[in-house]
């Protein structure tokens, strides 16, 4: 299931059955959602959960009213369309899928994002050295082959 579909099913289930937030609050964070709109919606739900507020279409619509990313998607109508994707039995599984995809994406990005200029230079030099070592091995092999042919000459 693609990320955005997973997100829609998670949010749709939570809009329809806000009490199920307890099943995913320990797994998901807003930054795991791909779009600003879905991230904003989940962040609002998380805040409502933390405040012990009920989560449904009406309360969530009020909470995200004025959010440009949500409004650009269609506001309350968009939230209602997500609620049609109600899949309570798979909510936790979808949350774990979303988290797994996020962790895989962040792991690679995180490694490169925190690379300093010195790290980059060292990595590039090591890659160049590896390439040169392979070329040198090939040159040496070819040279030895030529030398062995020379020793057999009359």
N, C-alpha and C. Protein backbone atom coordinates (compact mmCIF):
# COMPACT_ATOMS: atom_id res chain seq x y z
N UNK A 1 0.84 -1.17 0.00
CA UNK A 1 0.00 0.00 0.00
C UNK A 1 0.89 1.24 0.00
N UNK A 2 0.65 2.15 -0.92
CA UNK A 2 1.45 3.37 -1.02
C UNK A 2 1.29 4.22 0.23
N UNK A 3 2.29 5.04 0.52
CA UNK A 3 2.30 5.88 1.71
C UNK A 3 1.07 6.73 1.87
N UNK A 4 0.68 7.44 0.81
CA UNK A 4 -0.45 8.35 0.94
C UNK A 4 -1.74 7.58 1.21
N UNK A 5 -1.90 6.41 0.60
CA UNK A 5 -3.09 5.60 0.88
C UNK A 5 -3.08 5.13 2.33
N UNK A 6 -1.94 4.74 2.80
CA UNK A 6 -1.81 4.30 4.19
C UNK A 6 -2.19 5.45 5.11
N UNK A 7 -1.67 6.63 4.82
CA UNK A 7 -1.98 7.80 5.63
C UNK A 7 -3.47 8.10 5.63
N UNK A 8 -4.09 8.03 4.46
CA UNK A 8 -5.53 8.31 4.34
C UNK A 8 -6.34 7.32 5.16
N UNK A 9 -5.96 6.04 5.11
CA UNK A 9 -6.69 5.04 5.89
C UNK A 9 -6.50 5.24 7.39
N UNK A 10 -5.30 5.60 7.79
CA UNK A 10 -5.06 5.88 9.22
C UNK A 10 -5.91 7.06 9.67
N UNK A 11 -5.81 8.16 8.95
CA UNK A 11 -6.54 9.37 9.35
C UNK A 11 -8.05 9.16 9.25
N UNK A 12 -8.48 8.47 8.19
CA UNK A 12 -9.92 8.20 8.03
C UNK A 12 -10.49 7.40 9.19
N UNK A 13 -9.73 6.40 9.61
CA UNK A 13 -10.17 5.58 10.75
C UNK A 13 -10.21 6.42 12.02
N UNK A 14 -9.22 7.26 12.21
CA UNK A 14 -9.18 8.09 13.41
C UNK A 14 -10.28 9.15 13.41
N UNK A 15 -10.61 9.67 12.24
CA UNK A 15 -11.72 10.63 12.15
C UNK A 15 -13.03 9.93 12.50
N UNK A 16 -13.20 8.73 11.99
CA UNK A 16 -14.44 7.98 12.23
C UNK A 16 -14.53 7.43 13.65
N UNK A 17 -13.38 7.08 14.20
CA UNK A 17 -13.33 6.42 15.51
C UNK A 17 -12.16 7.00 16.31
N UNK A 18 -12.33 8.23 16.77
CA UNK A 18 -11.25 8.96 17.46
C UNK A 18 -10.69 8.25 18.68
N UNK A 19 -11.48 7.40 19.29
CA UNK A 19 -10.99 6.69 20.48
C UNK A 19 -9.87 5.71 20.13
N UNK A 20 -9.73 5.37 18.86
CA UNK A 20 -8.67 4.45 18.46
C UNK A 20 -7.31 5.13 18.38
N UNK A 21 -7.26 6.40 18.66
CA UNK A 21 -5.98 7.12 18.69
C UNK A 21 -5.03 6.46 19.67
N UNK A 22 -5.57 5.87 20.70
CA UNK A 22 -4.76 5.19 21.70
C UNK A 22 -3.94 4.04 21.08
N UNK A 23 -4.43 3.49 19.97
CA UNK A 23 -3.74 2.37 19.32
C UNK A 23 -2.52 2.79 18.50
N UNK A 24 -2.43 4.09 18.17
CA UNK A 24 -1.33 4.53 17.29
C UNK A 24 -0.48 5.64 17.87
N UNK A 25 -0.91 6.24 18.95
CA UNK A 25 -0.20 7.40 19.49
C UNK A 25 1.23 7.06 19.90
N UNK A 26 1.47 5.80 20.26
CA UNK A 26 2.83 5.39 20.65
C UNK A 26 3.69 5.01 19.44
N UNK A 27 3.08 4.94 18.27
CA UNK A 27 3.79 4.51 17.06
C UNK A 27 4.09 5.68 16.13
N UNK A 28 3.13 6.59 15.98
CA UNK A 28 3.22 7.63 14.96
C UNK A 28 3.54 9.00 15.53
N UNK A 29 4.23 9.79 14.71
CA UNK A 29 4.46 11.20 14.98
C UNK A 29 4.08 11.96 13.72
N UNK A 30 3.73 13.23 13.83
CA UNK A 30 3.31 13.98 12.64
C UNK A 30 4.34 13.99 11.52
N UNK A 31 5.63 13.98 11.84
CA UNK A 31 6.65 14.05 10.79
C UNK A 31 6.74 12.77 9.96
N UNK A 32 6.05 11.72 10.36
CA UNK A 32 6.05 10.47 9.59
C UNK A 32 5.12 10.55 8.38
N UNK A 33 4.26 11.56 8.36
CA UNK A 33 3.32 11.73 7.26
C UNK A 33 3.99 12.52 6.15
N UNK A 34 3.74 12.10 4.90
CA UNK A 34 4.45 12.69 3.76
C UNK A 34 4.06 14.12 3.44
N UNK A 35 2.78 14.42 3.45
CA UNK A 35 2.36 15.76 3.05
C UNK A 35 2.14 16.65 4.26
N UNK A 36 2.23 17.92 4.02
CA UNK A 36 2.01 18.90 5.08
C UNK A 36 0.57 18.78 5.59
N UNK A 37 -0.36 18.56 4.68
CA UNK A 37 -1.77 18.48 5.06
C UNK A 37 -2.04 17.29 5.99
N UNK A 38 -1.57 16.11 5.60
CA UNK A 38 -1.83 14.93 6.45
C UNK A 38 -1.05 15.03 7.76
N UNK A 39 0.13 15.59 7.71
CA UNK A 39 0.91 15.79 8.92
C UNK A 39 0.19 16.75 9.87
N UNK A 40 -0.37 17.81 9.32
CA UNK A 40 -1.11 18.79 10.11
C UNK A 40 -2.33 18.17 10.76
N UNK A 41 -3.03 17.34 10.01
CA UNK A 41 -4.23 16.69 10.55
C UNK A 41 -3.84 15.76 11.69
N UNK A 42 -2.81 14.95 11.49
CA UNK A 42 -2.40 14.04 12.56
C UNK A 42 -1.90 14.82 13.78
N UNK A 43 -1.16 15.90 13.55
CA UNK A 43 -0.68 16.72 14.67
C UNK A 43 -1.85 17.28 15.48
N UNK A 44 -2.88 17.72 14.78
CA UNK A 44 -4.08 18.23 15.46
C UNK A 44 -4.74 17.13 16.27
N UNK A 45 -4.84 15.94 15.69
CA UNK A 45 -5.44 14.80 16.41
C UNK A 45 -4.62 14.44 17.65
N UNK A 46 -3.31 14.45 17.49
CA UNK A 46 -2.43 14.11 18.60
C UNK A 46 -2.59 15.12 19.75
N UNK A 47 -2.68 16.38 19.37
CA UNK A 47 -2.86 17.42 20.38
C UNK A 47 -4.22 17.26 21.07
N UNK A 48 -5.24 16.97 20.30
CA UNK A 48 -6.57 16.77 20.88
C UNK A 48 -6.56 15.57 21.83
N UNK A 49 -5.87 14.51 21.44
CA UNK A 49 -5.75 13.33 22.29
C UNK A 49 -5.03 13.68 23.59
N UNK A 50 -3.93 14.41 23.47
CA UNK A 50 -3.16 14.82 24.65
C UNK A 50 -3.99 15.70 25.60
N UNK A 51 -4.91 16.46 25.03
CA UNK A 51 -5.78 17.34 25.83
C UNK A 51 -7.06 16.63 26.29
N UNK A 52 -7.15 15.33 26.02
CA UNK A 52 -8.36 14.54 26.35
C UNK A 52 -9.62 15.09 25.70
N UNK A 53 -9.48 15.60 24.48
CA UNK A 53 -10.61 16.11 23.70
C UNK A 53 -11.08 15.00 22.76
N UNK A 54 -12.35 14.98 22.50
CA UNK A 54 -12.89 14.01 21.55
C UNK A 54 -12.45 14.33 20.13
N UNK A 55 -12.22 13.29 19.36
CA UNK A 55 -11.79 13.46 17.96
C UNK A 55 -12.88 12.89 17.07
N UNK A 56 -13.45 13.76 16.26
CA UNK A 56 -14.40 13.35 15.23
C UNK A 56 -14.34 14.39 14.11
N UNK A 57 -15.17 14.25 13.11
CA UNK A 57 -15.12 15.15 11.96
C UNK A 57 -15.36 16.60 12.36
N UNK A 58 -16.32 16.82 13.23
CA UNK A 58 -16.68 18.19 13.62
C UNK A 58 -15.56 18.84 14.44
N UNK A 59 -15.10 18.15 15.48
CA UNK A 59 -14.07 18.74 16.35
C UNK A 59 -12.75 18.91 15.61
N UNK A 60 -12.43 17.96 14.75
CA UNK A 60 -11.19 18.05 13.98
C UNK A 60 -11.27 19.19 12.96
N UNK A 61 -12.43 19.33 12.31
CA UNK A 61 -12.61 20.42 11.34
C UNK A 61 -12.41 21.77 12.01
N UNK A 62 -12.94 21.90 13.21
CA UNK A 62 -12.75 23.14 13.97
C UNK A 62 -11.28 23.36 14.30
N UNK A 63 -10.60 22.29 14.68
CA UNK A 63 -9.20 22.40 15.10
C UNK A 63 -8.30 22.81 13.94
N UNK A 64 -8.56 22.31 12.74
CA UNK A 64 -7.68 22.60 11.60
C UNK A 64 -8.20 23.74 10.72
N UNK A 65 -9.30 24.34 11.12
CA UNK A 65 -9.85 25.46 10.34
C UNK A 65 -8.78 26.53 10.19
N UNK A 66 -8.60 27.00 8.99
CA UNK A 66 -7.61 28.03 8.71
C UNK A 66 -6.23 27.49 8.34
N UNK A 67 -6.03 26.18 8.49
CA UNK A 67 -4.75 25.59 8.09
C UNK A 67 -4.70 25.58 6.57
N UNK A 68 -3.74 26.30 6.00
CA UNK A 68 -3.68 26.47 4.54
C UNK A 68 -3.50 25.15 3.80
N UNK A 69 -2.69 24.26 4.33
CA UNK A 69 -2.45 22.98 3.66
C UNK A 69 -3.73 22.14 3.63
N UNK A 70 -4.46 22.14 4.73
CA UNK A 70 -5.72 21.38 4.81
C UNK A 70 -6.77 22.03 3.93
N UNK A 71 -6.86 23.34 3.97
CA UNK A 71 -7.82 24.07 3.13
C UNK A 71 -7.55 23.83 1.64
N UNK A 72 -6.27 23.78 1.27
CA UNK A 72 -5.91 23.54 -0.13
C UNK A 72 -6.38 22.18 -0.61
N UNK A 73 -6.48 21.21 0.30
CA UNK A 73 -6.96 19.87 -0.05
C UNK A 73 -8.48 19.80 -0.10
N UNK A 74 -9.15 20.80 0.48
CA UNK A 74 -10.61 20.81 0.46
C UNK A 74 -11.24 20.96 1.84
N UNK A 75 -10.43 21.17 2.85
CA UNK A 75 -10.95 21.43 4.19
C UNK A 75 -11.81 20.30 4.73
N UNK A 76 -13.00 20.65 5.23
CA UNK A 76 -13.90 19.68 5.85
C UNK A 76 -14.31 18.59 4.87
N UNK A 77 -14.52 18.95 3.61
CA UNK A 77 -14.91 17.95 2.61
C UNK A 77 -13.81 16.91 2.44
N UNK A 78 -12.56 17.35 2.46
CA UNK A 78 -11.42 16.43 2.35
C UNK A 78 -11.35 15.52 3.57
N UNK A 79 -11.55 16.11 4.75
CA UNK A 79 -11.55 15.30 5.98
C UNK A 79 -12.67 14.26 5.92
N UNK A 80 -13.85 14.67 5.45
CA UNK A 80 -14.98 13.74 5.35
C UNK A 80 -14.68 12.62 4.36
N UNK A 81 -14.00 12.96 3.27
CA UNK A 81 -13.66 11.92 2.28
C UNK A 81 -12.68 10.91 2.87
N UNK A 82 -11.79 11.39 3.75
CA UNK A 82 -10.88 10.46 4.41
C UNK A 82 -11.64 9.54 5.37
N UNK A 83 -12.67 10.08 6.00
CA UNK A 83 -13.44 9.28 6.96
C UNK A 83 -14.12 8.10 6.26
N UNK A 84 -14.33 8.20 4.96
CA UNK A 84 -14.91 7.08 4.20
C UNK A 84 -13.94 5.90 4.13
N UNK A 85 -12.67 6.14 4.39
CA UNK A 85 -11.65 5.09 4.40
C UNK A 85 -11.46 4.57 5.81
N UNK A 86 -12.51 4.02 6.34
CA UNK A 86 -12.55 3.56 7.73
C UNK A 86 -12.16 2.09 7.79
N UNK A 87 -10.98 1.79 8.33
CA UNK A 87 -10.49 0.41 8.41
C UNK A 87 -9.95 0.13 9.82
N UNK A 88 -10.85 0.00 10.79
CA UNK A 88 -10.41 -0.11 12.18
C UNK A 88 -9.57 -1.35 12.49
N UNK A 89 -9.86 -2.47 11.87
CA UNK A 89 -9.12 -3.69 12.17
C UNK A 89 -7.66 -3.65 11.75
N UNK A 90 -7.34 -2.75 10.84
CA UNK A 90 -5.97 -2.67 10.31
C UNK A 90 -5.23 -1.42 10.75
N UNK A 91 -5.82 -0.64 11.63
CA UNK A 91 -5.22 0.64 12.02
C UNK A 91 -3.79 0.49 12.54
N UNK A 92 -3.59 -0.37 13.48
CA UNK A 92 -2.24 -0.54 14.06
C UNK A 92 -1.25 -1.04 13.00
N UNK A 93 -1.70 -1.98 12.17
CA UNK A 93 -0.83 -2.51 11.12
C UNK A 93 -0.44 -1.40 10.13
N UNK A 94 -1.40 -0.56 9.75
CA UNK A 94 -1.09 0.56 8.85
C UNK A 94 -0.13 1.53 9.51
N UNK A 95 -0.32 1.78 10.80
CA UNK A 95 0.58 2.69 11.52
C UNK A 95 2.00 2.14 11.52
N UNK A 96 2.13 0.85 11.75
CA UNK A 96 3.47 0.24 11.75
C UNK A 96 4.10 0.28 10.36
N UNK A 97 3.29 0.10 9.31
CA UNK A 97 3.80 0.22 7.93
C UNK A 97 4.32 1.63 7.67
N UNK A 98 3.55 2.62 8.10
CA UNK A 98 3.95 4.00 7.90
C UNK A 98 5.24 4.31 8.65
N UNK A 99 5.33 3.83 9.87
CA UNK A 99 6.54 4.05 10.66
C UNK A 99 7.74 3.36 10.02
N UNK A 100 7.56 2.15 9.54
CA UNK A 100 8.67 1.41 8.91
C UNK A 100 9.18 2.16 7.68
N UNK A 101 8.27 2.65 6.86
CA UNK A 101 8.67 3.39 5.67
C UNK A 101 9.41 4.68 6.06
N UNK A 102 8.92 5.33 7.10
CA UNK A 102 9.56 6.55 7.57
C UNK A 102 10.98 6.27 8.09
N UNK A 103 11.13 5.23 8.88
CA UNK A 103 12.44 4.88 9.44
C UNK A 103 13.42 4.56 8.33
N UNK A 104 12.98 3.82 7.31
CA UNK A 104 13.87 3.49 6.20
C UNK A 104 14.30 4.74 5.45
N UNK A 105 13.36 5.65 5.23
CA UNK A 105 13.67 6.89 4.51
C UNK A 105 14.60 7.76 5.33
N UNK A 106 14.30 7.91 6.60
CA UNK A 106 15.10 8.77 7.46
C UNK A 106 16.49 8.21 7.67
N UNK A 107 16.62 6.89 7.76
CA UNK A 107 17.93 6.30 8.01
C UNK A 107 18.93 6.72 6.95
N UNK A 108 18.56 6.63 5.68
CA UNK A 108 19.48 7.00 4.61
C UNK A 108 19.69 8.52 4.60
N UNK A 109 18.58 9.27 4.69
CA UNK A 109 18.67 10.72 4.66
C UNK A 109 19.48 11.22 5.85
N UNK A 110 19.25 10.63 7.01
CA UNK A 110 19.93 11.05 8.22
C UNK A 110 21.44 10.88 8.09
N UNK A 111 21.86 9.80 7.50
CA UNK A 111 23.30 9.57 7.33
C UNK A 111 23.93 10.65 6.48
N UNK A 112 23.29 11.03 5.42
CA UNK A 112 23.85 12.02 4.52
C UNK A 112 23.64 13.44 5.04
N UNK A 113 22.53 13.69 5.71
CA UNK A 113 22.22 15.03 6.17
C UNK A 113 23.20 15.50 7.24
N UNK A 114 23.71 14.61 8.03
CA UNK A 114 24.61 14.98 9.11
C UNK A 114 26.08 14.84 8.73
N UNK A 115 26.32 14.62 7.46
CA UNK A 115 27.68 14.47 6.98
C UNK A 115 28.34 15.84 6.88
N UNK A 116 29.46 16.03 7.53
CA UNK A 116 30.18 17.30 7.46
C UNK A 116 30.98 17.33 6.16
N UNK A 117 31.55 18.48 5.85
CA UNK A 117 32.39 18.60 4.66
C UNK A 117 33.57 17.64 4.77
N UNK A 118 34.15 17.55 5.95
CA UNK A 118 35.28 16.63 6.17
C UNK A 118 34.84 15.19 5.92
N UNK A 119 33.65 14.82 6.44
CA UNK A 119 33.14 13.46 6.21
C UNK A 119 32.96 13.20 4.72
N UNK A 120 32.41 14.19 4.02
CA UNK A 120 32.19 14.05 2.59
C UNK A 120 33.51 13.86 1.85
N UNK A 121 34.49 14.70 2.17
CA UNK A 121 35.80 14.59 1.52
C UNK A 121 36.42 13.22 1.78
N UNK A 122 36.37 12.79 3.04
CA UNK A 122 36.93 11.47 3.39
C UNK A 122 36.22 10.35 2.63
N UNK A 123 34.88 10.42 2.59
CA UNK A 123 34.12 9.38 1.89
C UNK A 123 34.49 9.35 0.41
N UNK A 124 34.59 10.54 -0.21
CA UNK A 124 34.93 10.60 -1.63
C UNK A 124 36.35 10.10 -1.89
N UNK A 125 37.29 10.46 -1.00
CA UNK A 125 38.67 9.98 -1.16
C UNK A 125 38.75 8.46 -1.02
N UNK A 126 38.00 7.91 -0.06
CA UNK A 126 37.99 6.45 0.10
C UNK A 126 37.40 5.76 -1.12
N UNK A 127 36.32 6.35 -1.67
CA UNK A 127 35.74 5.78 -2.88
C UNK A 127 36.73 5.85 -4.04
N UNK A 128 37.43 6.98 -4.16
CA UNK A 128 38.44 7.14 -5.22
C UNK A 128 39.58 6.14 -5.01
N UNK A 129 40.02 5.98 -3.76
CA UNK A 129 41.10 5.03 -3.46
C UNK A 129 40.67 3.62 -3.82
N UNK A 130 39.43 3.28 -3.51
CA UNK A 130 38.93 1.95 -3.84
C UNK A 130 38.94 1.74 -5.36
N UNK A 131 38.48 2.77 -6.08
CA UNK A 131 38.49 2.69 -7.54
C UNK A 131 39.91 2.56 -8.07
N UNK A 132 40.83 3.37 -7.50
CA UNK A 132 42.23 3.31 -7.92
C UNK A 132 42.85 1.96 -7.59
N UNK A 133 42.53 1.41 -6.42
CA UNK A 133 43.06 0.09 -6.04
C UNK A 133 42.61 -0.97 -7.04
N UNK A 134 41.36 -0.88 -7.46
CA UNK A 134 40.87 -1.85 -8.44
C UNK A 134 41.60 -1.67 -9.77
N UNK A 135 41.82 -0.41 -10.17
CA UNK A 135 42.55 -0.15 -11.41
C UNK A 135 44.00 -0.62 -11.28
N UNK A 136 44.60 -0.36 -10.12
CA UNK A 136 45.99 -0.78 -9.89
C UNK A 136 46.11 -2.31 -9.92
N UNK A 137 45.13 -2.99 -9.34
CA UNK A 137 45.15 -4.46 -9.37
C UNK A 137 45.09 -4.94 -10.82
N UNK A 138 44.22 -4.33 -11.59
CA UNK A 138 44.08 -4.72 -12.99
C UNK A 138 45.38 -4.44 -13.74
N UNK A 139 45.99 -3.27 -13.50
CA UNK A 139 47.24 -2.92 -14.16
C UNK A 139 48.34 -3.91 -13.76
N UNK A 140 48.41 -4.24 -12.46
CA UNK A 140 49.41 -5.18 -11.98
C UNK A 140 49.20 -6.56 -12.60
N UNK A 141 47.97 -7.00 -12.67
CA UNK A 141 47.67 -8.30 -13.27
C UNK A 141 48.10 -8.31 -14.73
N UNK A 142 47.76 -7.24 -15.45
CA UNK A 142 48.16 -7.14 -16.85
C UNK A 142 49.68 -7.11 -16.99
N UNK A 143 50.35 -6.38 -16.10
CA UNK A 143 51.81 -6.28 -16.15
C UNK A 143 52.46 -7.63 -15.89
N UNK A 144 51.94 -8.35 -14.89
CA UNK A 144 52.48 -9.67 -14.59
C UNK A 144 52.28 -10.62 -15.76
N UNK A 145 51.14 -10.47 -16.38
CA UNK A 145 50.86 -11.33 -17.53
C UNK A 145 51.86 -11.03 -18.66
N UNK A 146 52.12 -9.73 -18.89
CA UNK A 146 53.08 -9.35 -19.92
C UNK A 146 54.50 -9.83 -19.55
N UNK A 147 54.86 -9.68 -18.29
CA UNK A 147 56.18 -10.08 -17.82
C UNK A 147 56.36 -11.59 -17.99
N UNK A 148 55.34 -12.34 -17.65
CA UNK A 148 55.46 -13.78 -17.80
C UNK A 148 55.61 -14.17 -19.27
N UNK A 149 54.99 -13.40 -20.15
CA UNK A 149 55.14 -13.67 -21.57
C UNK A 149 56.55 -13.32 -22.05
N UNK A 150 57.14 -12.25 -21.43
CA UNK A 150 58.49 -11.87 -21.82
C UNK A 150 59.51 -12.91 -21.41
N UNK A 151 59.32 -13.54 -20.26
CA UNK A 151 60.30 -14.53 -19.79
C UNK A 151 60.28 -15.79 -20.63
N UNK A 152 59.21 -15.99 -21.35
CA UNK A 152 59.15 -17.19 -22.20
C UNK A 152 59.66 -16.91 -23.60
N UNK A 153 60.04 -15.66 -23.85
CA UNK A 153 60.55 -15.32 -25.19
C UNK A 153 61.96 -15.91 -25.37
N UNK A 154 62.36 -16.31 -26.61
CA UNK A 154 63.69 -16.85 -26.84
C UNK A 154 64.80 -15.85 -26.69
